[in-house]
Amino acid sequence: VQLQASGGGLVQAGGSLRLSCAVSGTIYSINTMGWYRQAPGKQRELVAAITSGGDTNHADSVKGRFTISRDNAKNTMYLQMNSLKPEDTAVYYCNADLVSWSVVGIEWGHGTLVTVSS
């Protein structure tokens, strides 16, 4: 099982980016998926989460600017980030609570760096 996050990059304040997290391997089910971020010198924090049924939860700091979504047929989750601010600069990680032939529980992907310049 592998989670691959992509879509990070350098963007100016006010710009947009779309992150993707693709889950590969022999997957039986994926329950809640989530995006987290960790800025330099800070603890990792939840950005947004989405259940298999599509219920979502967004951190207050990103509400109205970020939108989490998923495509269950593709085992892929997205994070649309609009109106980016310099304080959004961080490494963004995805995770998934899943059941596969080898794993039952939460798996993490490697991070993708988002840098927002002022």
N, C-alpha and C. Protein backbone atom coordinates (compact mmCIF):
# COMPACT_ATOMS: atom_id res chain seq x y z
N VAL A 1 0.86 -1.19 0.00
CA VAL A 1 0.00 0.00 0.00
C VAL A 1 0.89 1.24 0.00
N GLN A 2 0.52 2.19 -0.84
CA GLN A 2 1.30 3.42 -0.91
C GLN A 2 0.38 4.61 -1.11
N LEU A 3 0.66 5.69 -0.38
CA LEU A 3 -0.05 6.94 -0.57
C LEU A 3 0.93 7.92 -1.19
N GLN A 4 0.55 8.47 -2.33
CA GLN A 4 1.41 9.39 -3.04
C GLN A 4 0.76 10.75 -3.11
N ALA A 5 1.35 11.72 -2.43
CA ALA A 5 0.84 13.10 -2.46
C ALA A 5 1.59 13.86 -3.53
N SER A 6 0.87 14.71 -4.23
CA SER A 6 1.48 15.52 -5.28
C SER A 6 0.72 16.83 -5.42
N GLY A 7 1.31 17.75 -6.18
CA GLY A 7 0.64 19.00 -6.48
C GLY A 7 1.19 20.22 -5.76
N GLY A 8 2.14 20.01 -4.86
CA GLY A 8 2.72 21.15 -4.17
C GLY A 8 3.58 21.99 -5.08
N GLY A 9 3.98 23.14 -4.59
CA GLY A 9 4.84 24.02 -5.37
C GLY A 9 4.92 25.40 -4.77
N LEU A 10 5.46 26.31 -5.55
CA LEU A 10 5.61 27.70 -5.13
C LEU A 10 4.52 28.53 -5.80
N VAL A 11 3.82 29.32 -4.99
CA VAL A 11 2.74 30.15 -5.51
C VAL A 11 2.74 31.47 -4.77
N GLN A 12 2.28 32.51 -5.42
CA GLN A 12 2.17 33.81 -4.77
C GLN A 12 0.92 33.87 -3.91
N ALA A 13 0.97 34.72 -2.91
CA ALA A 13 -0.20 34.92 -2.06
C ALA A 13 -1.41 35.27 -2.92
N GLY A 14 -2.54 34.66 -2.58
CA GLY A 14 -3.75 34.86 -3.35
C GLY A 14 -3.96 33.82 -4.42
N GLY A 15 -2.94 33.03 -4.68
CA GLY A 15 -3.02 32.03 -5.73
C GLY A 15 -3.67 30.75 -5.26
N SER A 16 -3.66 29.75 -6.16
CA SER A 16 -4.32 28.48 -5.89
C SER A 16 -3.41 27.31 -6.24
N LEU A 17 -3.63 26.22 -5.54
CA LEU A 17 -2.99 24.95 -5.84
C LEU A 17 -3.99 23.84 -5.57
N ARG A 18 -3.80 22.72 -6.25
CA ARG A 18 -4.64 21.54 -6.01
C ARG A 18 -3.73 20.37 -5.68
N LEU A 19 -3.87 19.85 -4.49
CA LEU A 19 -3.10 18.69 -4.08
C LEU A 19 -3.89 17.41 -4.36
N SER A 20 -3.17 16.36 -4.67
CA SER A 20 -3.78 15.04 -4.87
C SER A 20 -3.09 14.02 -3.98
N CYS A 21 -3.84 13.02 -3.56
CA CYS A 21 -3.28 11.92 -2.79
C CYS A 21 -3.87 10.64 -3.35
N ALA A 22 -3.04 9.86 -4.01
CA ALA A 22 -3.49 8.63 -4.63
C ALA A 22 -3.05 7.43 -3.79
N VAL A 23 -3.99 6.54 -3.55
CA VAL A 23 -3.72 5.32 -2.79
C VAL A 23 -3.59 4.16 -3.77
N SER A 24 -2.48 3.47 -3.71
CA SER A 24 -2.26 2.35 -4.61
C SER A 24 -2.01 1.07 -3.82
N GLY A 25 -2.23 -0.05 -4.49
CA GLY A 25 -2.07 -1.34 -3.85
C GLY A 25 -3.40 -2.09 -3.85
N THR A 26 -3.40 -3.24 -3.22
CA THR A 26 -4.62 -4.04 -3.13
C THR A 26 -5.42 -3.55 -1.93
N ILE A 27 -6.41 -2.70 -2.22
CA ILE A 27 -7.19 -2.03 -1.19
C ILE A 27 -8.57 -2.64 -1.11
N TYR A 28 -8.99 -2.97 0.08
CA TYR A 28 -10.35 -3.49 0.26
C TYR A 28 -11.32 -2.36 0.59
N SER A 29 -10.89 -1.44 1.41
CA SER A 29 -11.75 -0.30 1.74
C SER A 29 -10.89 0.84 2.30
N ILE A 30 -11.38 2.05 2.06
CA ILE A 30 -10.76 3.24 2.61
C ILE A 30 -11.82 4.02 3.36
N ASN A 31 -11.60 4.24 4.61
CA ASN A 31 -12.56 4.98 5.41
C ASN A 31 -12.21 6.47 5.37
N THR A 32 -11.95 7.07 6.49
CA THR A 32 -11.63 8.48 6.51
C THR A 32 -10.25 8.75 5.93
N MET A 33 -10.17 9.81 5.15
CA MET A 33 -8.89 10.29 4.63
C MET A 33 -8.69 11.72 5.11
N GLY A 34 -7.44 12.13 5.21
CA GLY A 34 -7.20 13.47 5.71
C GLY A 34 -5.95 14.12 5.17
N TRP A 35 -5.96 15.42 5.21
CA TRP A 35 -4.78 16.23 4.88
C TRP A 35 -4.28 16.89 6.17
N TYR A 36 -2.99 16.82 6.38
CA TYR A 36 -2.34 17.46 7.50
C TYR A 36 -1.22 18.34 6.95
N ARG A 37 -0.75 19.27 7.76
CA ARG A 37 0.39 20.07 7.34
C ARG A 37 1.29 20.34 8.54
N GLN A 38 2.55 20.55 8.21
CA GLN A 38 3.53 20.86 9.24
C GLN A 38 4.43 21.97 8.74
N ALA A 39 4.35 23.10 9.40
CA ALA A 39 5.20 24.23 9.07
C ALA A 39 6.50 24.13 9.87
N PRO A 40 7.55 24.77 9.41
CA PRO A 40 8.84 24.70 10.13
C PRO A 40 8.69 25.14 11.58
N GLY A 41 9.17 24.31 12.48
CA GLY A 41 9.13 24.62 13.89
C GLY A 41 7.79 24.44 14.57
N LYS A 42 6.82 23.90 13.82
CA LYS A 42 5.48 23.73 14.39
C LYS A 42 5.08 22.26 14.35
N GLN A 43 4.05 21.95 15.13
CA GLN A 43 3.54 20.59 15.13
C GLN A 43 2.65 20.36 13.92
N ARG A 44 2.55 19.09 13.54
CA ARG A 44 1.65 18.73 12.46
C ARG A 44 0.22 19.00 12.90
N GLU A 45 -0.58 19.57 11.97
CA GLU A 45 -1.97 19.89 12.30
C GLU A 45 -2.91 19.40 11.21
N LEU A 46 -4.12 19.11 11.62
CA LEU A 46 -5.15 18.67 10.68
C LEU A 46 -5.60 19.87 9.85
N VAL A 47 -5.66 19.67 8.55
CA VAL A 47 -6.18 20.69 7.64
C VAL A 47 -7.63 20.38 7.30
N ALA A 48 -7.89 19.15 6.88
CA ALA A 48 -9.23 18.75 6.50
C ALA A 48 -9.30 17.23 6.46
N ALA A 49 -10.51 16.71 6.65
CA ALA A 49 -10.72 15.27 6.59
C ALA A 49 -12.04 15.00 5.88
N ILE A 50 -12.13 13.80 5.30
CA ILE A 50 -13.34 13.42 4.57
C ILE A 50 -13.60 11.94 4.79
N THR A 51 -14.86 11.62 5.07
CA THR A 51 -15.24 10.22 5.27
C THR A 51 -15.52 9.55 3.93
N SER A 52 -15.70 8.25 3.97
CA SER A 52 -16.01 7.53 2.74
C SER A 52 -17.34 7.96 2.17
N GLY A 53 -18.22 8.46 3.00
CA GLY A 53 -19.51 8.94 2.54
C GLY A 53 -19.53 10.38 2.09
N GLY A 54 -18.39 11.06 2.24
CA GLY A 54 -18.28 12.42 1.75
C GLY A 54 -18.47 13.51 2.80
N ASP A 55 -18.67 13.14 4.05
CA ASP A 55 -18.74 14.16 5.09
C ASP A 55 -17.36 14.77 5.30
N THR A 56 -17.33 16.09 5.44
CA THR A 56 -16.04 16.77 5.52
C THR A 56 -15.90 17.59 6.79
N ASN A 57 -14.67 17.85 7.13
CA ASN A 57 -14.33 18.70 8.26
C ASN A 57 -13.10 19.51 7.87
N HIS A 58 -13.19 20.83 8.01
CA HIS A 58 -12.07 21.69 7.66
C HIS A 58 -11.63 22.48 8.89
N ALA A 59 -10.35 22.66 9.05
CA ALA A 59 -9.84 23.49 10.13
C ALA A 59 -10.34 24.92 9.96
N ASP A 60 -10.55 25.61 11.07
CA ASP A 60 -11.05 26.97 11.01
C ASP A 60 -10.16 27.88 10.16
N SER A 61 -8.87 27.62 10.21
CA SER A 61 -7.91 28.48 9.51
C SER A 61 -8.01 28.38 8.00
N VAL A 62 -8.68 27.34 7.49
CA VAL A 62 -8.77 27.17 6.04
C VAL A 62 -10.21 27.18 5.54
N LYS A 63 -11.17 27.27 6.43
CA LYS A 63 -12.57 27.26 6.00
C LYS A 63 -12.84 28.41 5.04
N GLY A 64 -13.55 28.10 3.98
CA GLY A 64 -13.87 29.10 2.97
C GLY A 64 -12.78 29.27 1.93
N ARG A 65 -11.61 28.69 2.17
CA ARG A 65 -10.51 28.80 1.20
C ARG A 65 -10.09 27.43 0.64
N PHE A 66 -10.10 26.42 1.47
CA PHE A 66 -9.69 25.08 1.05
C PHE A 66 -10.93 24.19 0.98
N THR A 67 -10.90 23.25 0.05
CA THR A 67 -11.98 22.27 -0.07
C THR A 67 -11.40 20.89 -0.28
N ILE A 68 -11.78 19.96 0.57
CA ILE A 68 -11.34 18.58 0.44
C ILE A 68 -12.40 17.80 -0.32
N SER A 69 -11.95 16.86 -1.14
CA SER A 69 -12.86 16.00 -1.88
C SER A 69 -12.16 14.68 -2.15
N ARG A 70 -12.90 13.71 -2.65
CA ARG A 70 -12.31 12.42 -2.97
C ARG A 70 -13.08 11.76 -4.09
N ASP A 71 -12.38 10.90 -4.81
CA ASP A 71 -12.97 10.08 -5.86
C ASP A 71 -12.75 8.64 -5.42
N ASN A 72 -13.79 8.03 -4.89
CA ASN A 72 -13.65 6.68 -4.35
C ASN A 72 -13.30 5.65 -5.44
N ALA A 73 -13.78 5.88 -6.65
CA ALA A 73 -13.48 4.95 -7.74
C ALA A 73 -11.99 4.94 -8.08
N LYS A 74 -11.34 6.07 -7.84
CA LYS A 74 -9.91 6.19 -8.15
C LYS A 74 -9.03 6.09 -6.91
N ASN A 75 -9.64 5.90 -5.74
CA ASN A 75 -8.88 5.87 -4.48
C ASN A 75 -7.98 7.10 -4.36
N THR A 76 -8.55 8.24 -4.67
CA THR A 76 -7.78 9.48 -4.69
C THR A 76 -8.52 10.58 -3.93
N MET A 77 -7.75 11.35 -3.20
CA MET A 77 -8.29 12.49 -2.45
C MET A 77 -7.63 13.76 -2.96
N TYR A 78 -8.37 14.86 -2.85
CA TYR A 78 -7.87 16.13 -3.35
C TYR A 78 -8.00 17.22 -2.28
N LEU A 79 -7.21 18.25 -2.43
CA LEU A 79 -7.35 19.45 -1.60
C LEU A 79 -7.20 20.65 -2.52
N GLN A 80 -8.31 21.31 -2.79
CA GLN A 80 -8.27 22.53 -3.57
C GLN A 80 -8.00 23.69 -2.62
N MET A 81 -6.92 24.39 -2.87
CA MET A 81 -6.50 25.48 -1.99
C MET A 81 -6.54 26.78 -2.76
N ASN A 82 -7.43 27.66 -2.34
CA ASN A 82 -7.57 28.98 -2.97
C ASN A 82 -7.19 30.07 -1.98
N SER A 83 -6.99 31.26 -2.49
CA SER A 83 -6.65 32.41 -1.65
C SER A 83 -5.54 32.08 -0.67
N LEU A 84 -4.49 31.49 -1.18
CA LEU A 84 -3.40 31.04 -0.33
C LEU A 84 -2.70 32.22 0.35
N LYS A 85 -2.26 31.96 1.57
CA LYS A 85 -1.58 32.96 2.38
C LYS A 85 -0.18 32.45 2.73
N PRO A 86 0.75 33.35 3.02
CA PRO A 86 2.09 32.90 3.41
C PRO A 86 2.07 31.93 4.59
N GLU A 87 1.12 32.10 5.49
CA GLU A 87 1.04 31.20 6.64
C GLU A 87 0.56 29.80 6.28
N ASP A 88 0.15 29.59 5.05
CA ASP A 88 -0.20 28.25 4.59
C ASP A 88 1.05 27.46 4.17
N THR A 89 2.18 28.11 4.14
CA THR A 89 3.42 27.44 3.78
C THR A 89 3.73 26.31 4.74
N ALA A 90 3.90 25.12 4.20
CA ALA A 90 4.12 23.93 5.02
C ALA A 90 4.33 22.73 4.12
N VAL A 91 4.75 21.64 4.74
CA VAL A 91 4.71 20.35 4.06
C VAL A 91 3.34 19.74 4.34
N TYR A 92 2.66 19.35 3.28
CA TYR A 92 1.32 18.80 3.39
C TYR A 92 1.40 17.28 3.25
N TYR A 93 0.78 16.60 4.20
CA TYR A 93 0.76 15.14 4.21
C TYR A 93 -0.68 14.63 4.10
N CYS A 94 -0.82 13.48 3.46
CA CYS A 94 -2.14 12.85 3.44
C CYS A 94 -2.08 11.54 4.22
N ASN A 95 -3.23 11.17 4.75
CA ASN A 95 -3.32 9.85 5.37
C ASN A 95 -4.66 9.23 5.06
N ALA A 96 -4.74 7.93 5.29
CA ALA A 96 -5.96 7.19 5.01
C ALA A 96 -6.11 6.07 6.03
N ASP A 97 -7.30 5.92 6.52
CA ASP A 97 -7.65 4.80 7.40
C ASP A 97 -8.20 3.70 6.50
N LEU A 98 -7.44 2.64 6.29
CA LEU A 98 -7.81 1.71 5.25
C LEU A 98 -7.63 0.26 5.66
N VAL A 99 -8.19 -0.60 4.82
CA VAL A 99 -8.03 -2.04 4.98
C VAL A 99 -7.48 -2.57 3.66
N SER A 100 -6.34 -3.21 3.73
CA SER A 100 -5.75 -3.84 2.55
C SER A 100 -5.32 -5.25 2.94
N TRP A 101 -4.72 -5.94 2.00
CA TRP A 101 -4.31 -7.31 2.30
C TRP A 101 -3.19 -7.32 3.33
N SER A 102 -2.46 -6.20 3.47
CA SER A 102 -1.30 -6.18 4.37
C SER A 102 -1.43 -5.19 5.52
N VAL A 103 -2.42 -4.29 5.42
CA VAL A 103 -2.51 -3.22 6.42
C VAL A 103 -3.95 -3.03 6.86
N VAL A 104 -4.14 -2.87 8.15
CA VAL A 104 -5.44 -2.43 8.68
C VAL A 104 -5.13 -1.27 9.61
N GLY A 105 -5.54 -0.07 9.21
CA GLY A 105 -5.25 1.10 10.03
C GLY A 105 -4.86 2.29 9.19
N ILE A 106 -4.18 3.22 9.82
CA ILE A 106 -3.85 4.50 9.19
C ILE A 106 -2.47 4.43 8.54
N GLU A 107 -2.46 4.79 7.28
CA GLU A 107 -1.23 4.89 6.53
C GLU A 107 -1.00 6.36 6.13
N TRP A 108 0.27 6.74 6.09
CA TRP A 108 0.64 8.10 5.72
C TRP A 108 1.43 8.11 4.41
N GLY A 109 1.25 9.19 3.67
CA GLY A 109 2.06 9.39 2.49
C GLY A 109 3.22 10.32 2.80
N HIS A 110 4.17 10.38 1.88
CA HIS A 110 5.22 11.37 2.00
C HIS A 110 4.63 12.74 1.71
N GLY A 111 5.21 13.76 2.24
CA GLY A 111 4.66 15.09 2.10
C GLY A 111 4.96 15.74 0.77
N THR A 112 4.19 16.78 0.49
CA THR A 112 4.44 17.64 -0.66
C THR A 112 4.52 19.08 -0.14
N LEU A 113 5.55 19.77 -0.58
CA LEU A 113 5.82 21.10 -0.04
C LEU A 113 5.02 22.17 -0.76
N VAL A 114 4.36 22.99 0.03
CA VAL A 114 3.64 24.15 -0.48
C VAL A 114 4.31 25.40 0.08
N THR A 115 4.74 26.27 -0.81
CA THR A 115 5.38 27.51 -0.40
C THR A 115 4.60 28.68 -0.99
N VAL A 116 4.14 29.56 -0.11
CA VAL A 116 3.36 30.72 -0.54
C VAL A 116 4.19 31.98 -0.26
N SER A 117 4.50 32.69 -1.32
CA SER A 117 5.31 33.90 -1.19
C SER A 117 4.41 35.12 -1.04
N SER A 118 4.91 36.09 -0.30
CA SER A 118 4.11 37.31 -0.08
C SER A 118 4.38 38.35 -1.14
